[in-house]
Structures are given as C-alpha cells and as structure tokens.
C-alpha cells in the first residue's frame, strides 16, 4: 500500500514528527511504501472556485508537488 505521511507542524524535531516517524516505521515494517512531507515546505494553493472538480471529477489546485516516487494521486492512504 502507498501511504503519504503529511506533517503540518513547523517543528521538524517536535513531538508530531516523532509520532509520525513511529507510524512510518510500523508501516514500513509491514511492507508499505511510505513517503513523508512537511506541508510548510510545499507550495499549496487554495481552491479558486473554478468548478473543474465538479465537471471533471479532479481538482486543479495548482499545487507544486515534490518530485517523488509516489504520486500523490496514487496513494491509498
């Protein structure tokens, strides 16, 4: 299973990151593919109200995804 681990905390060595790392450790031990991202490092723009998602069933949020082996749209969790 492909899992995205999203950390919204600005503290890279804080409790949220420690807990997330333990979750990632458990998931990888079970054979899952996990990638962690820090949300404050991504360029994520809000909904513009274009309604493309209603017509095409996909969202066009003009988000800059990091280059990675796991595509955000392919993640299961």
Foldseek 3Di string as FASTA:
>chain_A
DEEEAEAADPDCPDPSVVVSVVVVVVQVVVPYHYDYDYVVPWDWADAPPPCVCVVVVDGDRVTDDDDDPDDPVNGPD
